[in-house]
């Protein structure tokens, strides 16, 4: 899942070298933390959060195939 989030985020931002993705495994779910440069934050979130919502939807669909619960958080 982290590779998927990394590929999507790098294609959206102007500074792909500053994109980092970390998966934090919990007892019931996995939290994927996405960090981008401050000036790219708006591009990852999108107007009214539409791009962030789309990223979360794609990741949840991919996680559903393997019966896992995955959450994507965009961290500053």
Foldseek 3Di string as FASTA:
>chain_A
DQVLLLVVLLVQFPCSVQWDWDWDDDPAAIEIEIEHDPVCPCRCQDDVRPNVVVSQVVVCVVVVVVPGHYHYDYDD
